[in-house]
C-alpha atoms as a PDB file:
ATOM      1  CA  UNK A   1     147.962 -86.074 -59.327  1.00  0.00           C
ATOM      2  CA  UNK A   2     150.441 -88.934 -59.701  1.00  0.00           C
ATOM      3  CA  UNK A   3     148.300 -91.912 -58.721  1.00  0.00           C
ATOM      4  CA  UNK A   4     145.096 -93.695 -59.656  1.00  0.00           C
ATOM      5  CA  UNK A   5     143.088 -95.843 -57.227  1.00  0.00           C
ATOM      6  CA  UNK A   6     140.500 -96.639 -59.891  1.00  0.00           C
ATOM      7  CA  UNK A   7     142.451 -99.687 -61.053  1.00  0.00           C
ATOM      8  CA  UNK A   8     141.144-103.079 -59.906  1.00  0.00           C
ATOM      9  CA  UNK A   9     142.692-104.330 -56.685  1.00  0.00           C
ATOM     10  CA  UNK A  10     145.770-106.404 -57.520  1.00  0.00           C
ATOM     11  CA  UNK A  11     148.115-107.760 -54.892  1.00  0.00           C
ATOM     12  CA  UNK A  12     151.710-106.663 -55.286  1.00  0.00           C
ATOM     13  CA  UNK A  13     154.193-109.465 -55.758  1.00  0.00           C
ATOM     14  CA  UNK A  14     157.305-108.906 -53.618  1.00  0.00           C
ATOM     15  CA  UNK A  15     159.387-111.057 -55.973  1.00  0.00           C
ATOM     16  CA  UNK A  16     158.510-109.135 -59.139  1.00  0.00           C
ATOM     17  CA  UNK A  17     158.883-105.607 -57.730  1.00  0.00           C
ATOM     18  CA  UNK A  18     161.626-105.566 -55.079  1.00  0.00           C
ATOM     19  CA  UNK A  19     162.809-102.088 -56.145  1.00  0.00           C
ATOM     20  CA  UNK A  20     159.579-100.402 -55.017  1.00  0.00           C
ATOM     21  CA  UNK A  21     158.882-100.567 -51.257  1.00  0.00           C
ATOM     22  CA  UNK A  22     155.406-101.866 -50.443  1.00  0.00           C
ATOM     23  CA  UNK A  23     153.291-100.064 -47.852  1.00  0.00           C
ATOM     24  CA  UNK A  24     150.187-101.574 -46.248  1.00  0.00           C
ATOM     25  CA  UNK A  25     147.605 -99.308 -44.616  1.00  0.00           C
ATOM     26  CA  UNK A  26     144.165 -99.566 -43.046  1.00  0.00           C
ATOM     27  CA  UNK A  27     141.191 -97.255 -43.395  1.00  0.00           C
ATOM     28  CA  UNK A  28     139.327 -97.862 -40.127  1.00  0.00           C
ATOM     29  CA  UNK A  29     135.848 -96.334 -40.306  1.00  0.00           C
ATOM     30  CA  UNK A  30     133.384 -95.550 -37.569  1.00  0.00           C
ATOM     31  CA  UNK A  31     129.691 -96.003 -38.324  1.00  0.00           C
ATOM     32  CA  UNK A  32     129.408 -92.226 -38.945  1.00  0.00           C
ATOM     33  CA  UNK A  33     132.097 -92.360 -41.668  1.00  0.00           C
ATOM     34  CA  UNK A  34     134.893 -90.810 -39.593  1.00  0.00           C
ATOM     35  CA  UNK A  35     138.270 -92.422 -40.313  1.00  0.00           C
ATOM     36  CA  UNK A  36     141.115 -93.101 -37.919  1.00  0.00           C
ATOM     37  CA  UNK A  37     144.024 -90.908 -39.018  1.00  0.00           C
ATOM     38  CA  UNK A  38     147.581 -90.646 -37.772  1.00  0.00           C
ATOM     39  CA  UNK A  39     149.404 -87.317 -37.595  1.00  0.00           C
ATOM     40  CA  UNK A  40     152.901 -88.315 -38.753  1.00  0.00           C
ATOM     41  CA  UNK A  41     156.056 -87.166 -37.065  1.00  0.00           C
ATOM     42  CA  UNK A  42     157.608 -84.057 -38.581  1.00  0.00           C
ATOM     43  CA  UNK A  43     161.115 -85.399 -39.209  1.00  0.00           C
ATOM     44  CA  UNK A  44     163.335 -84.298 -42.111  1.00  0.00           C
ATOM     45  CA  UNK A  45     163.527 -86.965 -44.836  1.00  0.00           C
ATOM     46  CA  UNK A  46     160.385 -88.788 -43.657  1.00  0.00           C
ATOM     47  CA  UNK A  47     157.795 -89.226 -46.419  1.00  0.00           C
ATOM     48  CA  UNK A  48     154.535 -87.448 -45.581  1.00  0.00           C
ATOM     49  CA  UNK A  49     156.214 -85.778 -42.597  1.00  0.00           C
ATOM     50  CA  UNK A  50     153.711 -83.801 -40.538  1.00  0.00           C
ATOM     51  CA  UNK A  51     150.749 -84.986 -42.640  1.00  0.00           C
ATOM     52  CA  UNK A  52     147.627 -86.872 -41.561  1.00  0.00           C
ATOM     53  CA  UNK A  53     147.559 -90.386 -43.055  1.00  0.00           C
ATOM     54  CA  UNK A  54     145.904 -93.772 -42.610  1.00  0.00           C
ATOM     55  CA  UNK A  55     147.996 -95.862 -40.182  1.00  0.00           C
ATOM     56  CA  UNK A  56     150.264 -98.385 -41.868  1.00  0.00           C
ATOM     57  CA  UNK A  57     153.836 -99.037 -42.848  1.00  0.00           C
ATOM     58  CA  UNK A  58     156.452-100.984 -44.770  1.00  0.00           C
ATOM     59  CA  UNK A  59     155.981-104.644 -45.651  1.00  0.00           C
ATOM     60  CA  UNK A  60     158.641-107.090 -44.508  1.00  0.00           C
ATOM     61  CA  UNK A  61     160.241-109.347 -47.151  1.00  0.00           C
ATOM     62  CA  UNK A  62     157.789-112.111 -48.169  1.00  0.00           C
ATOM     63  CA  UNK A  63     154.995-110.540 -46.061  1.00  0.00           C
ATOM     64  CA  UNK A  64     151.639-110.118 -47.794  1.00  0.00           C
ATOM     65  CA  UNK A  65     150.218-106.610 -48.000  1.00  0.00           C
ATOM     66  CA  UNK A  66     147.243-107.693 -45.895  1.00  0.00           C
ATOM     67  CA  UNK A  67     149.455-109.157 -43.156  1.00  0.00           C
ATOM     68  CA  UNK A  68     151.594-106.013 -43.262  1.00  0.00           C
ATOM     69  CA  UNK A  69     148.585-103.702 -42.976  1.00  0.00           C
ATOM     70  CA  UNK A  70     147.225-105.690 -40.010  1.00  0.00           C
ATOM     71  CA  UNK A  71     150.611-105.814 -38.239  1.00  0.00           C
ATOM     72  CA  UNK A  72     151.487-102.154 -38.790  1.00  0.00           C
ATOM     73  CA  UNK A  73     148.016-100.984 -37.761  1.00  0.00           C
ATOM     74  CA  UNK A  74     148.191-103.005 -34.545  1.00  0.00           C
ATOM     75  CA  UNK A  75     151.726-101.767 -33.786  1.00  0.00           C
ATOM     76  CA  UNK A  76     150.781 -98.110 -34.334  1.00  0.00           C
ATOM     77  CA  UNK A  77     147.314 -98.049 -32.727  1.00  0.00           C
ATOM     78  CA  UNK A  78     146.961-101.106 -30.484  1.00  0.00           C
ATOM     79  CA  UNK A  79     143.742-101.932 -32.356  1.00  0.00           C
ATOM     80  CA  UNK A  80     143.345-105.396 -33.879  1.00  0.00           C
ATOM     81  CA  UNK A  81     140.999-105.286 -36.877  1.00  0.00           C
ATOM     82  CA  UNK A  82     138.570-108.208 -36.848  1.00  0.00           C
ATOM     83  CA  UNK A  83     138.489-108.354 -40.646  1.00  0.00           C
ATOM     84  CA  UNK A  84     140.235-106.508 -43.449  1.00  0.00           C
ATOM     85  CA  UNK A  85     138.596-106.002 -46.825  1.00  0.00           C
ATOM     86  CA  UNK A  86     140.779-105.137 -49.839  1.00  0.00           C
ATOM     87  CA  UNK A  87     140.200-101.548 -50.913  1.00  0.00           C
ATOM     88  CA  UNK A  88     142.763-100.325 -53.460  1.00  0.00           C
ATOM     89  CA  UNK A  89     146.393-100.534 -54.473  1.00  0.00           C
ATOM     90  CA  UNK A  90     148.467 -98.120 -56.539  1.00  0.00           C
ATOM     91  CA  UNK A  91     151.939 -96.754 -57.169  1.00  0.00           C
ATOM     92  CA  UNK A  92     152.679 -93.428 -55.503  1.00  0.00           C
ATOM     93  CA  UNK A  93     155.491 -90.935 -55.883  1.00  0.00           C
ATOM     94  CA  UNK A  94     155.912 -89.029 -52.631  1.00  0.00           C
ATOM     95  CA  UNK A  95     156.157 -85.348 -53.620  1.00  0.00           C
ATOM     96  CA  UNK A  96     158.150 -84.360 -50.533  1.00  0.00           C
ATOM     97  CA  UNK A  97     160.909 -86.996 -50.771  1.00  0.00           C
ATOM     98  CA  UNK A  98     160.713 -88.191 -54.386  1.00  0.00           C
ATOM     99  CA  UNK A  99     160.477 -91.811 -53.182  1.00  0.00           C
ATOM    100  CA  UNK A 100     158.239 -94.221 -55.043  1.00  0.00           C
ATOM    101  CA  UNK A 101     156.036 -96.685 -53.149  1.00  0.00           C
ATOM    102  CA  UNK A 102     153.408 -99.340 -53.859  1.00  0.00           C
ATOM    103  CA  UNK A 103     150.515 -98.433 -51.536  1.00  0.00           C
ATOM    104  CA  UNK A 104     147.992-101.105 -50.573  1.00  0.00           C
ATOM    105  CA  UNK A 105     144.930-100.066 -48.575  1.00  0.00           C
ATOM    106  CA  UNK A 106     142.495-102.250 -46.682  1.00  0.00           C
ATOM    107  CA  UNK A 107     139.188-101.307 -45.066  1.00  0.00           C
ATOM    108  CA  UNK A 108     137.823-102.239 -41.648  1.00  0.00           C
ATOM    109  CA  UNK A 109     134.922-101.182 -39.444  1.00  0.00           C
ATOM    110  CA  UNK A 110     135.602 -99.890 -35.934  1.00  0.00           C
ATOM    111  CA  UNK A 111     133.895-102.014 -33.284  1.00  0.00           C
ATOM    112  CA  UNK A 112     132.979 -98.920 -31.263  1.00  0.00           C
ATOM    113  CA  UNK A 113     134.368-100.419 -28.077  1.00  0.00           C
ATOM    114  CA  UNK A 114     138.073-101.261 -28.254  1.00  0.00           C
ATOM    115  CA  UNK A 115     140.463 -98.436 -27.375  1.00  0.00           C
ATOM    116  CA  UNK A 116     142.793 -96.900 -29.925  1.00  0.00           C
ATOM    117  CA  UNK A 117     146.220 -95.618 -28.874  1.00  0.00           C
ATOM    118  CA  UNK A 118     148.974 -93.534 -30.449  1.00  0.00           C
ATOM    119  CA  UNK A 119     152.114 -95.668 -30.444  1.00  0.00           C
ATOM    120  CA  UNK A 120     153.670 -93.894 -33.433  1.00  0.00           C
ATOM    121  CA  UNK A 121     153.407 -90.352 -34.755  1.00  0.00           C
ATOM    122  CA  UNK A 122     152.169 -87.211 -33.035  1.00  0.00           C
ATOM    123  CA  UNK A 123     148.522 -88.177 -32.656  1.00  0.00           C
ATOM    124  CA  UNK A 124     145.954 -90.776 -33.708  1.00  0.00           C
ATOM    125  CA  UNK A 125     142.250 -89.949 -33.753  1.00  0.00           C
ATOM    126  CA  UNK A 126     139.006 -90.350 -35.634  1.00  0.00           C
ATOM    127  CA  UNK A 127     138.468 -87.437 -38.006  1.00  0.00           C
ATOM    128  CA  UNK A 128     134.983 -86.740 -39.386  1.00  0.00           C
ATOM    129  CA  UNK A 129     134.798 -86.628 -43.188  1.00  0.00           C
ATOM    130  CA  UNK A 130     133.529 -83.022 -43.025  1.00  0.00           C
ATOM    131  CA  UNK A 131     136.864 -81.953 -41.421  1.00  0.00           C
ATOM    132  CA  UNK A 132     139.071 -83.328 -44.182  1.00  0.00           C
ATOM    133  CA  UNK A 133     140.120 -79.888 -45.418  1.00  0.00           C
ATOM    134  CA  UNK A 134     141.314 -78.824 -41.964  1.00  0.00           C
ATOM    135  CA  UNK A 135     144.313 -81.162 -41.902  1.00  0.00           C
ATOM    136  CA  UNK A 136     147.345 -81.404 -44.199  1.00  0.00           C
ATOM    137  CA  UNK A 137     147.090 -84.758 -46.022  1.00  0.00           C
ATOM    138  CA  UNK A 138     148.635 -86.551 -49.002  1.00  0.00           C
ATOM    139  CA  UNK A 139     146.795 -85.997 -52.292  1.00  0.00           C
ATOM    140  CA  UNK A 140     145.445 -89.554 -52.428  1.00  0.00           C
ATOM    141  CA  UNK A 141     143.819 -89.575 -48.991  1.00  0.00           C
ATOM    142  CA  UNK A 142     140.443 -88.055 -49.891  1.00  0.00           C
ATOM    143  CA  UNK A 143     139.756 -90.449 -52.748  1.00  0.00           C
ATOM    144  CA  UNK A 144     140.878 -93.524 -50.795  1.00  0.00           C
ATOM    145  CA  UNK A 145     138.630 -92.420 -47.902  1.00  0.00           C
ATOM    146  CA  UNK A 146     135.718 -92.031 -50.334  1.00  0.00           C
ATOM    147  CA  UNK A 147     136.352 -95.534 -51.715  1.00  0.00           C
ATOM    148  CA  UNK A 148     136.174 -96.888 -48.155  1.00  0.00           C
ATOM    149  CA  UNK A 149     132.945 -95.003 -47.477  1.00  0.00           C
ATOM    150  CA  UNK A 150     131.396 -96.354 -50.685  1.00  0.00           C
ATOM    151  CA  UNK A 151     132.390 -99.902 -49.689  1.00  0.00           C
ATOM    152  CA  UNK A 152     130.968 -99.357 -46.193  1.00  0.00           C
ATOM    153  CA  UNK A 153     127.623 -98.198 -47.636  1.00  0.00           C
ATOM    154  CA  UNK A 154     127.405-101.274 -49.877  1.00  0.00           C
ATOM    155  CA  UNK A 155     127.868-103.527 -46.845  1.00  0.00           C
ATOM    156  CA  UNK A 156     125.270-101.704 -44.747  1.00  0.00           C
ATOM    157  CA  UNK A 157     122.591-101.087 -47.340  1.00  0.00           C
ATOM    158  CA  UNK A 158     119.211-101.268 -45.577  1.00  0.00           C
ATOM    159  CA  UNK A 159     116.722-103.781 -46.867  1.00  0.00           C
ATOM    160  CA  UNK A 160     114.004-102.344 -49.069  1.00  0.00           C
ATOM    161  CA  UNK A 161     110.486-102.572 -47.646  1.00  0.00           C
ATOM    162  CA  UNK A 162     108.140-104.933 -49.487  1.00  0.00           C
END
């Protein structure tokens, strides 16, 4: 594996690392732990072509990773996340294209009401965690999903009876 999400969350600085494209993505979780995944187009030369990924995309110059993640997620799904919590950030070498990226992931909870659309890619849908092995995905996806689930559980920890 060529990445490590275990590092503390550190925002990428667009001025100090202009040679490495920054990607912002959102892990949108339903209450049951299913995550919204996007089935990427299967185009030659496209990183993660044909794989299932968290929606997101390239940061514009001087755009923060959080603003990028929010913008790209809205553009690709039509869903506007009420809040975004920082999740993890790491460097990633795409095995299919050899391109190096700085990936920044944010976590949000699905409101259970607003519709989600597929404006980019082949399909966008909630995938239950138990089905993770049924879809081709980048090597980092499982661990990032698990980080989001752990963060979700911390936020929704039931109160202990007295």
